[in-house]
Amino acid sequence: MRLSVRTKDSTGLEAQATPAEPPKESLVAIRDEACRERLLDMEVRLRRYRLACFAILALALTSVGSEIGWWWIVPLLVGLGGFAVADRFMRASRHPSIWVAVAWGMLPLLLADAVVTTGGAKSPALMWFALPAVTLGARFSPRGIVVGTAFIVALLLLSTVGLDSAAASAHRQELVAAVALVLSAVILSGALVESDRAHRQRSTIDSLTGLYNRNALQQRLGEFDGQPAGEAEGVSHALLLCDLDHFKRVNDQLGHAAGDAVLQEVAYTMRAALRAGDSIYRVGGEEILVVLPGAGEEEAVEIAERLCEAVRERRPVGVPVTISIGVAVSGRGAVDADGLVASADEALYAAKTNGRDRVAVAGCADDLSAADRVPVSG
């Protein structure tokens, strides 16, 4: 899919300020949001492989069901249900890592139950504790990895040494091997994930603002391109194409360092004004595109107005800055991502042409000027 956004002409700003460094909290917030989006993306990618692992466990336990019984069906279903609940609620949550951690923690508990009921230190399921260890690095921060590793090892020891210390002593070689396998899996998978994370960050994160870049936007738009939308389906998607007004004069009058600082603060301000689940991308020099999944026209306009107001009130590094926004909402039928971007681009052009510092909606004859703007609650 090809993304094409027209570059607008930017002229005319009476800048009055000395540039300053952007606030440290802005960079922290942007970094935290990037971690949140990475976690959500990773959960989507892991889903089918996780189901395959559960299927393998079920087949293995079924093959020896006549020997160990069928007790394992309930905890296995509980584990699957935990991930299903987490998948349902984590995207709308400000802290999806909590949902993921709770669902992930069910798997070691399931394995501990399997070890206890199949012989403790003699259990053939002992090595299965390496399974949840493999995914720690893909899901959590370094602190989360340490906590998760300690949780796995604690359950391993409780289900063996805690169950029968004499049997555990007799089978200490198996216990040492299992613990070593868990630790090795965490270390090796962590190294692979760190390498992948660095590569993904370089390819999808804008180095100046910390927002996602055009490569990431291509991937995001591809997720709902062709999906059904419109009133009949009860769901729609909206794009906000935003452009800083008269930004060229910030660079010309105050220098590019000040212009960079303005972009950084604007990026932070806009990100902070969005909903959980919305995503924001830098697609050009001073152009930013916001994806609002599930938003209709009224909600999209409200969010656009909120962004305009937030940027105007922020006065990044002391410079009076405004933005113009073009709004496009998916219509009936399958979503055409390229067409949606083009519509947002046309609406932005109308907003810039009609005076800037306003919101224009694709398909509407008039735009919403600053004078027409109504207060928007945070």
Protein backbone atom coordinates (compact mmCIF):
# COMPACT_ATOMS: atom_id res chain seq x y z
CA MET A 1 0.00 0.00 0.00
CA ARG A 2 1.38 3.43 -0.95
CA LEU A 3 0.94 6.41 1.35
CA SER A 4 0.95 9.79 -0.34
CA VAL A 5 0.51 13.08 1.52
CA ARG A 6 0.86 16.45 -0.15
CA THR A 7 3.32 18.93 1.40
CA LYS A 8 1.71 22.22 2.32
CA ASP A 9 3.27 25.67 2.07
CA SER A 10 3.98 27.21 5.50
CA THR A 11 4.44 30.95 5.85
CA GLY A 12 3.98 33.72 8.38
CA LEU A 13 4.72 33.47 12.10
CA GLU A 14 5.51 36.19 14.55
CA ALA A 15 7.72 34.18 16.88
CA GLN A 16 8.63 35.68 20.20
CA ALA A 17 10.62 33.48 22.49
CA THR A 18 13.94 31.97 23.31
CA PRO A 19 14.05 28.27 22.49
CA ALA A 20 14.39 25.87 25.39
CA GLU A 21 14.84 22.18 25.87
CA PRO A 22 11.65 20.08 25.71
CA PRO A 23 10.51 18.75 29.09
CA LYS A 24 11.99 15.43 30.10
CA GLU A 25 8.55 14.08 31.00
CA SER A 26 7.53 14.44 27.33
CA LEU A 27 10.21 12.05 26.18
CA VAL A 28 9.35 9.62 28.97
CA ALA A 29 5.67 9.66 28.00
CA ILE A 30 6.49 9.08 24.34
CA ARG A 31 8.82 6.22 25.24
CA ASP A 32 6.20 4.66 27.53
CA GLU A 33 3.61 4.86 24.76
CA ALA A 34 6.04 3.19 22.35
CA CYS A 35 6.48 0.35 24.87
CA ARG A 36 2.72 0.03 25.19
CA GLU A 37 2.23 -0.19 21.44
CA ARG A 38 5.05 -2.72 21.13
CA LEU A 39 3.44 -4.92 23.80
CA LEU A 40 0.08 -4.82 22.03
CA ASP A 41 1.70 -5.62 18.69
CA MET A 42 3.68 -8.49 20.22
CA GLU A 43 0.55 -10.01 21.77
CA VAL A 44 -1.14 -10.04 18.38
CA ARG A 45 1.88 -11.75 16.84
CA LEU A 46 2.16 -14.30 19.64
CA ARG A 47 -1.51 -15.27 19.64
CA ARG A 48 -1.48 -18.03 17.03
CA TYR A 49 1.82 -19.46 18.29
CA ARG A 50 0.46 -19.47 21.83
CA LEU A 51 -2.57 -21.42 20.63
CA ALA A 52 -0.24 -23.90 18.93
CA CYS A 53 1.68 -24.40 22.19
CA PHE A 54 -1.54 -24.99 24.12
CA ALA A 55 -2.58 -27.51 21.46
CA ILE A 56 0.75 -29.35 21.80
CA LEU A 57 0.36 -29.46 25.59
CA ALA A 58 -3.17 -30.79 25.22
CA LEU A 59 -2.07 -33.51 22.79
CA ALA A 60 0.82 -34.54 25.04
CA LEU A 61 -1.42 -34.76 28.10
CA THR A 62 -4.14 -36.56 26.15
CA SER A 63 -1.62 -39.21 25.08
CA VAL A 64 -1.04 -40.12 28.73
CA GLY A 65 -4.54 -39.34 29.96
CA SER A 66 -5.23 -42.94 30.88
CA GLU A 67 -2.25 -42.86 33.24
CA ILE A 68 -2.54 -39.44 34.86
CA GLY A 69 -6.27 -38.80 34.49
CA TRP A 70 -8.07 -35.85 32.96
CA TRP A 71 -7.62 -33.28 35.72
CA TRP A 72 -5.53 -31.09 33.38
CA ILE A 73 -8.50 -30.09 31.19
CA VAL A 74 -9.78 -27.50 33.68
CA PRO A 75 -6.49 -25.61 34.25
CA LEU A 76 -5.76 -25.72 30.52
CA LEU A 77 -9.11 -24.11 29.77
CA VAL A 78 -8.51 -21.56 32.53
CA GLY A 79 -5.18 -20.66 30.93
CA LEU A 80 -6.78 -20.24 27.51
CA GLY A 81 -9.60 -18.21 29.04
CA GLY A 82 -7.13 -15.93 30.79
CA PHE A 83 -5.44 -14.99 27.54
CA ALA A 84 -8.82 -14.55 25.84
CA VAL A 85 -9.89 -12.07 28.53
CA ALA A 86 -6.56 -10.24 28.31
CA ASP A 87 -6.86 -9.97 24.52
CA ARG A 88 -10.33 -8.54 24.95
CA PHE A 89 -9.48 -5.77 27.40
CA MET A 90 -5.79 -4.93 27.05
CA ARG A 91 -6.07 -2.66 23.97
CA ALA A 92 -8.52 -0.33 25.70
CA SER A 93 -6.43 -0.26 28.88
CA ARG A 94 -3.83 2.36 29.72
CA HIS A 95 -1.80 -0.42 31.34
CA PRO A 96 -2.14 -3.50 29.12
CA SER A 97 0.93 -5.04 30.74
CA ILE A 98 -1.20 -5.82 33.82
CA TRP A 99 -3.67 -7.86 31.76
CA VAL A 100 -0.84 -9.62 29.95
CA ALA A 101 1.01 -10.37 33.20
CA VAL A 102 -2.06 -11.92 34.82
CA ALA A 103 -2.78 -14.08 31.76
CA TRP A 104 0.88 -15.08 31.40
CA GLY A 105 1.08 -16.01 35.09
CA MET A 106 -1.60 -18.64 34.63
CA LEU A 107 0.68 -20.78 32.45
CA PRO A 108 3.39 -21.36 35.12
CA LEU A 109 0.60 -22.12 37.59
CA LEU A 110 -0.84 -24.65 35.15
CA LEU A 111 2.59 -26.25 34.74
CA ALA A 112 3.16 -26.36 38.50
CA ASP A 113 -0.14 -28.20 38.86
CA ALA A 114 0.96 -30.62 36.14
CA VAL A 115 4.28 -31.28 37.89
CA VAL A 116 2.63 -31.87 41.28
CA THR A 117 0.12 -34.36 39.90
CA THR A 118 2.68 -36.26 37.81
CA GLY A 119 5.32 -36.96 40.41
CA GLY A 120 6.93 -33.71 41.55
CA ALA A 121 10.69 -33.91 41.05
CA LYS A 122 10.17 -37.09 39.00
CA SER A 123 7.63 -35.46 36.68
CA PRO A 124 8.32 -35.57 32.94
CA ALA A 125 6.60 -32.15 32.71
CA LEU A 126 9.38 -30.46 34.71
CA MET A 127 11.12 -29.08 31.62
CA TRP A 128 7.89 -27.43 30.45
CA PHE A 129 8.63 -24.52 32.78
CA ALA A 130 10.91 -23.26 30.00
CA LEU A 131 7.82 -22.46 27.87
CA PRO A 132 6.65 -19.34 29.75
CA ALA A 133 10.30 -18.35 30.23
CA VAL A 134 10.78 -18.06 26.46
CA THR A 135 8.13 -15.34 26.10
CA LEU A 136 9.20 -13.15 29.04
CA GLY A 137 11.59 -11.00 27.01
CA ALA A 138 9.02 -10.46 24.27
CA ARG A 139 6.42 -9.13 26.69
CA PHE A 140 8.01 -7.33 29.60
CA SER A 141 10.62 -4.80 30.66
CA PRO A 142 13.90 -5.94 32.27
CA ARG A 143 12.32 -5.59 35.72
CA GLY A 144 9.33 -7.63 34.56
CA ILE A 145 11.68 -10.30 33.22
CA VAL A 146 13.41 -10.59 36.59
CA VAL A 147 10.08 -10.85 38.45
CA GLY A 148 8.72 -13.38 35.94
CA THR A 149 11.86 -15.52 36.14
CA ALA A 150 11.70 -15.53 39.94
CA PHE A 151 8.01 -16.51 39.74
CA ILE A 152 8.77 -19.49 37.46
CA VAL A 153 11.69 -20.73 39.54
CA ALA A 154 9.67 -20.34 42.76
CA LEU A 155 6.82 -22.42 41.34
CA LEU A 156 9.27 -25.00 40.04
CA LEU A 157 10.81 -25.40 43.49
CA LEU A 158 7.47 -25.36 45.31
CA SER A 159 6.08 -28.10 43.08
CA THR A 160 9.14 -30.29 43.67
CA VAL A 161 11.11 -29.47 46.83
CA GLY A 162 8.03 -28.13 48.55
CA LEU A 163 6.05 -31.26 47.69
CA ASP A 164 8.66 -33.84 48.73
CA SER A 165 12.12 -32.65 49.72
CA ALA A 166 13.49 -36.20 49.95
CA ALA A 167 12.40 -37.03 46.40
CA ALA A 168 13.75 -33.67 45.22
CA SER A 169 17.12 -34.46 46.78
CA ALA A 170 17.16 -37.82 45.04
CA HIS A 171 16.41 -36.14 41.73
CA ARG A 172 18.52 -33.00 42.21
CA GLN A 173 20.17 -33.46 38.81
CA GLU A 174 16.81 -33.12 37.08
CA LEU A 175 15.96 -30.07 39.22
CA VAL A 176 19.27 -28.36 38.48
CA ALA A 177 18.82 -29.08 34.77
CA ALA A 178 15.28 -27.65 34.81
CA VAL A 179 16.32 -24.45 36.59
CA ALA A 180 19.30 -24.04 34.26
CA LEU A 181 17.03 -24.52 31.25
CA VAL A 182 14.61 -21.84 32.49
CA LEU A 183 17.41 -19.33 33.12
CA SER A 184 19.07 -20.09 29.78
CA ALA A 185 15.77 -19.69 27.93
CA VAL A 186 15.23 -16.29 29.57
CA ILE A 187 18.74 -15.07 28.74
CA LEU A 188 18.82 -16.27 25.14
CA SER A 189 15.30 -15.17 24.27
CA GLY A 190 15.98 -11.81 25.93
CA ALA A 191 19.02 -11.26 23.72
CA LEU A 192 17.03 -12.08 20.58
CA VAL A 193 14.16 -9.81 21.61
CA GLU A 194 16.53 -6.95 22.41
CA SER A 195 18.08 -7.21 18.97
CA ASP A 196 14.64 -7.30 17.33
CA ARG A 197 13.45 -4.39 19.49
CA ALA A 198 16.40 -2.22 18.47
CA HIS A 199 15.83 -3.02 14.79
CA ARG A 200 12.10 -2.33 15.01
CA GLN A 201 12.70 0.94 16.81
CA ARG A 202 15.11 2.15 14.14
CA SER A 203 12.70 1.20 11.38
CA THR A 204 9.41 2.39 12.91
CA ILE A 205 10.21 5.24 15.36
CA ASP A 206 10.89 8.82 14.33
CA SER A 207 14.17 9.71 16.02
CA LEU A 208 13.27 13.36 16.65
CA THR A 209 9.77 13.18 18.12
CA GLY A 210 9.57 9.58 19.33
CA LEU A 211 6.36 9.14 17.34
CA TYR A 212 5.87 6.30 14.91
CA ASN A 213 7.06 6.98 11.36
CA ARG A 214 5.68 6.29 7.89
CA ASN A 215 6.88 2.68 7.93
CA ALA A 216 4.87 2.03 11.09
CA LEU A 217 1.88 3.84 9.59
CA GLN A 218 1.94 1.58 6.54
CA GLN A 219 1.73 -1.42 8.84
CA ARG A 220 -1.06 0.11 10.92
CA LEU A 221 -3.19 1.10 7.95
CA GLY A 222 -2.69 -2.35 6.48
CA GLU A 223 -4.33 -3.86 9.58
CA PHE A 224 -7.77 -2.44 8.78
CA ASP A 225 -7.46 -1.86 5.02
CA GLY A 226 -10.30 -3.81 3.41
CA GLN A 227 -12.12 -4.47 6.67
CA PRO A 228 -15.89 -3.88 6.70
CA ALA A 229 -16.97 -0.54 8.12
CA GLY A 230 -19.89 1.86 8.08
CA GLU A 231 -23.23 2.15 9.82
CA ALA A 232 -24.39 -1.34 8.87
CA GLU A 233 -21.41 -2.91 10.64
CA GLY A 234 -21.61 -0.52 13.59
CA VAL A 235 -17.95 0.51 13.41
CA SER A 236 -15.88 3.11 11.61
CA HIS A 237 -12.33 4.40 11.59
CA ALA A 238 -11.11 7.98 11.42
CA LEU A 239 -7.87 9.67 10.40
CA LEU A 240 -6.71 13.11 11.50
CA LEU A 241 -4.05 14.67 9.28
CA CYS A 242 -2.46 17.53 11.22
CA ASP A 243 -0.08 20.27 10.08
CA LEU A 244 1.67 22.96 12.15
CA ASP A 245 0.68 26.39 10.88
CA HIS A 246 3.45 28.73 9.66
CA PHE A 247 6.11 26.33 10.87
CA LYS A 248 8.65 27.44 8.28
CA ARG A 249 9.08 30.75 10.06
CA VAL A 250 9.92 29.01 13.32
CA ASN A 251 12.97 27.54 11.62
CA ASP A 252 13.76 30.73 9.70
CA GLN A 253 13.50 33.11 12.66
CA LEU A 254 14.51 30.97 15.63
CA GLY A 255 16.65 28.31 14.01
CA HIS A 256 16.25 24.60 13.40
CA ALA A 257 17.12 23.70 17.00
CA ALA A 258 14.09 25.66 18.17
CA GLY A 259 11.99 24.09 15.42
CA ASP A 260 13.02 20.62 16.57
CA ALA A 261 12.14 21.49 20.18
CA VAL A 262 8.72 22.75 19.06
CA LEU A 263 8.05 19.50 17.18
CA GLN A 264 9.04 17.45 20.21
CA GLU A 265 6.70 19.31 22.54
CA VAL A 266 3.84 19.29 20.02
CA ALA A 267 4.29 15.51 19.64
CA TYR A 268 4.09 15.03 23.41
CA THR A 269 1.09 17.36 23.75
CA MET A 270 -0.87 15.59 21.03
CA ARG A 271 -0.07 12.12 22.33
CA ALA A 272 -1.23 13.09 25.82
CA ALA A 273 -4.58 14.34 24.46
CA LEU A 274 -5.48 11.09 22.68
CA ARG A 275 -7.46 8.09 23.89
CA ALA A 276 -6.01 4.74 24.84
CA GLY A 277 -5.66 2.72 21.64
CA ASP A 278 -5.21 5.71 19.34
CA SER A 279 -1.89 5.90 17.49
CA ILE A 280 0.08 8.86 16.20
CA TYR A 281 2.66 9.11 13.41
CA ARG A 282 5.00 11.72 11.99
CA VAL A 283 4.54 11.46 8.22
CA GLY A 284 6.41 14.56 7.05
CA GLY A 285 8.43 17.52 8.25
CA GLU A 286 5.68 19.06 10.37
CA GLU A 287 2.81 16.75 9.40
CA ILE A 288 1.39 14.30 11.89
CA LEU A 289 -1.29 11.69 11.27
CA VAL A 290 -3.51 10.26 14.00
CA VAL A 291 -5.38 6.96 13.62
CA LEU A 292 -8.61 6.71 15.62
CA PRO A 293 -9.87 3.11 15.45
CA GLY A 294 -13.59 2.76 16.00
CA ALA A 295 -14.25 6.53 15.93
CA GLY A 296 -17.20 8.10 14.13
CA GLU A 297 -17.31 11.62 12.72
CA GLU A 298 -18.59 13.32 15.86
CA GLU A 299 -15.99 11.71 18.09
CA ALA A 300 -13.20 12.36 15.56
CA VAL A 301 -14.07 16.06 15.35
CA GLU A 302 -14.19 16.31 19.14
CA ILE A 303 -10.72 14.77 19.41
CA ALA A 304 -9.40 17.03 16.64
CA GLU A 305 -10.73 20.09 18.46
CA ARG A 306 -9.08 18.87 21.64
CA LEU A 307 -5.75 18.57 19.84
CA CYS A 308 -6.03 22.09 18.41
CA GLU A 309 -6.81 23.51 21.83
CA ALA A 310 -4.05 21.56 23.58
CA VAL A 311 -1.35 22.70 21.14
CA ARG A 312 -2.56 26.31 21.22
CA GLU A 313 -2.48 26.39 25.02
CA ARG A 314 0.85 24.60 25.32
CA ARG A 315 2.95 27.28 23.55
CA PRO A 316 5.84 24.84 23.03
CA VAL A 317 9.18 26.30 24.20
CA GLY A 318 7.40 29.63 24.48
CA VAL A 319 6.46 29.85 20.80
CA PRO A 320 2.80 30.49 19.88
CA VAL A 321 1.89 27.53 17.66
CA THR A 322 -1.38 26.37 16.12
CA ILE A 323 -2.32 23.38 14.00
CA SER A 324 -4.80 22.70 11.23
CA ILE A 325 -6.47 19.30 10.99
CA GLY A 326 -8.21 17.40 8.22
CA VAL A 327 -10.66 14.71 9.35
CA ALA A 328 -11.69 11.69 7.28
CA VAL A 329 -14.02 8.91 8.46
CA SER A 330 -14.53 5.56 6.76
CA GLY A 331 -17.86 5.20 4.98
CA ARG A 332 -19.96 2.19 4.07
CA GLY A 333 -18.33 -0.94 2.78
CA ALA A 334 -14.72 -2.07 3.06
CA VAL A 335 -12.19 0.42 4.40
CA ASP A 336 -10.00 1.98 1.70
CA ALA A 337 -6.95 3.13 3.67
CA ASP A 338 -5.37 4.99 0.74
CA GLY A 339 -8.66 6.72 -0.01
CA LEU A 340 -9.07 7.64 3.65
CA VAL A 341 -5.63 9.24 3.73
CA ALA A 342 -6.38 11.13 0.51
CA SER A 343 -9.66 12.42 1.97
CA ALA A 344 -7.91 13.59 5.13
CA ASP A 345 -5.31 15.32 2.96
CA GLU A 346 -8.00 17.18 1.01
CA ALA A 347 -9.71 18.21 4.25
CA LEU A 348 -6.42 19.49 5.64
CA TYR A 349 -5.86 21.50 2.49
CA ALA A 350 -9.29 23.09 2.98
CA ALA A 351 -8.48 23.92 6.61
CA LYS A 352 -5.19 25.56 5.59
CA THR A 353 -6.83 27.46 2.72
CA ASN A 354 -9.64 28.80 4.89
CA GLY A 355 -7.41 30.41 7.49
CA ARG A 356 -5.58 27.72 9.50
CA ASP A 357 -6.01 26.90 13.21
CA ARG A 358 -9.18 24.97 12.44
CA VAL A 359 -10.66 21.56 11.71
CA ALA A 360 -12.12 20.57 8.35
CA VAL A 361 -14.04 17.38 7.70
CA ALA A 362 -13.84 15.51 4.41
CA GLY A 363 -17.12 15.80 2.52
CA CYS A 364 -18.32 18.89 4.41
CA ALA A 365 -18.71 22.24 2.73
CA ASP A 366 -17.53 24.25 5.72
CA ASP A 367 -14.71 23.86 8.18
CA LEU A 368 -14.79 24.53 11.90
CA SER A 369 -12.96 27.77 12.60
CA ALA A 370 -11.57 28.92 15.92
CA ALA A 371 -14.57 31.21 16.33
CA ASP A 372 -16.97 28.30 15.81
CA ARG A 373 -15.09 26.00 18.16
CA VAL A 374 -16.90 24.93 21.30
CA PRO A 375 -15.15 24.00 24.57
CA VAL A 376 -14.04 20.40 24.61
CA SER A 377 -13.79 18.55 27.89
CA GLY A 378 -10.57 16.71 28.65
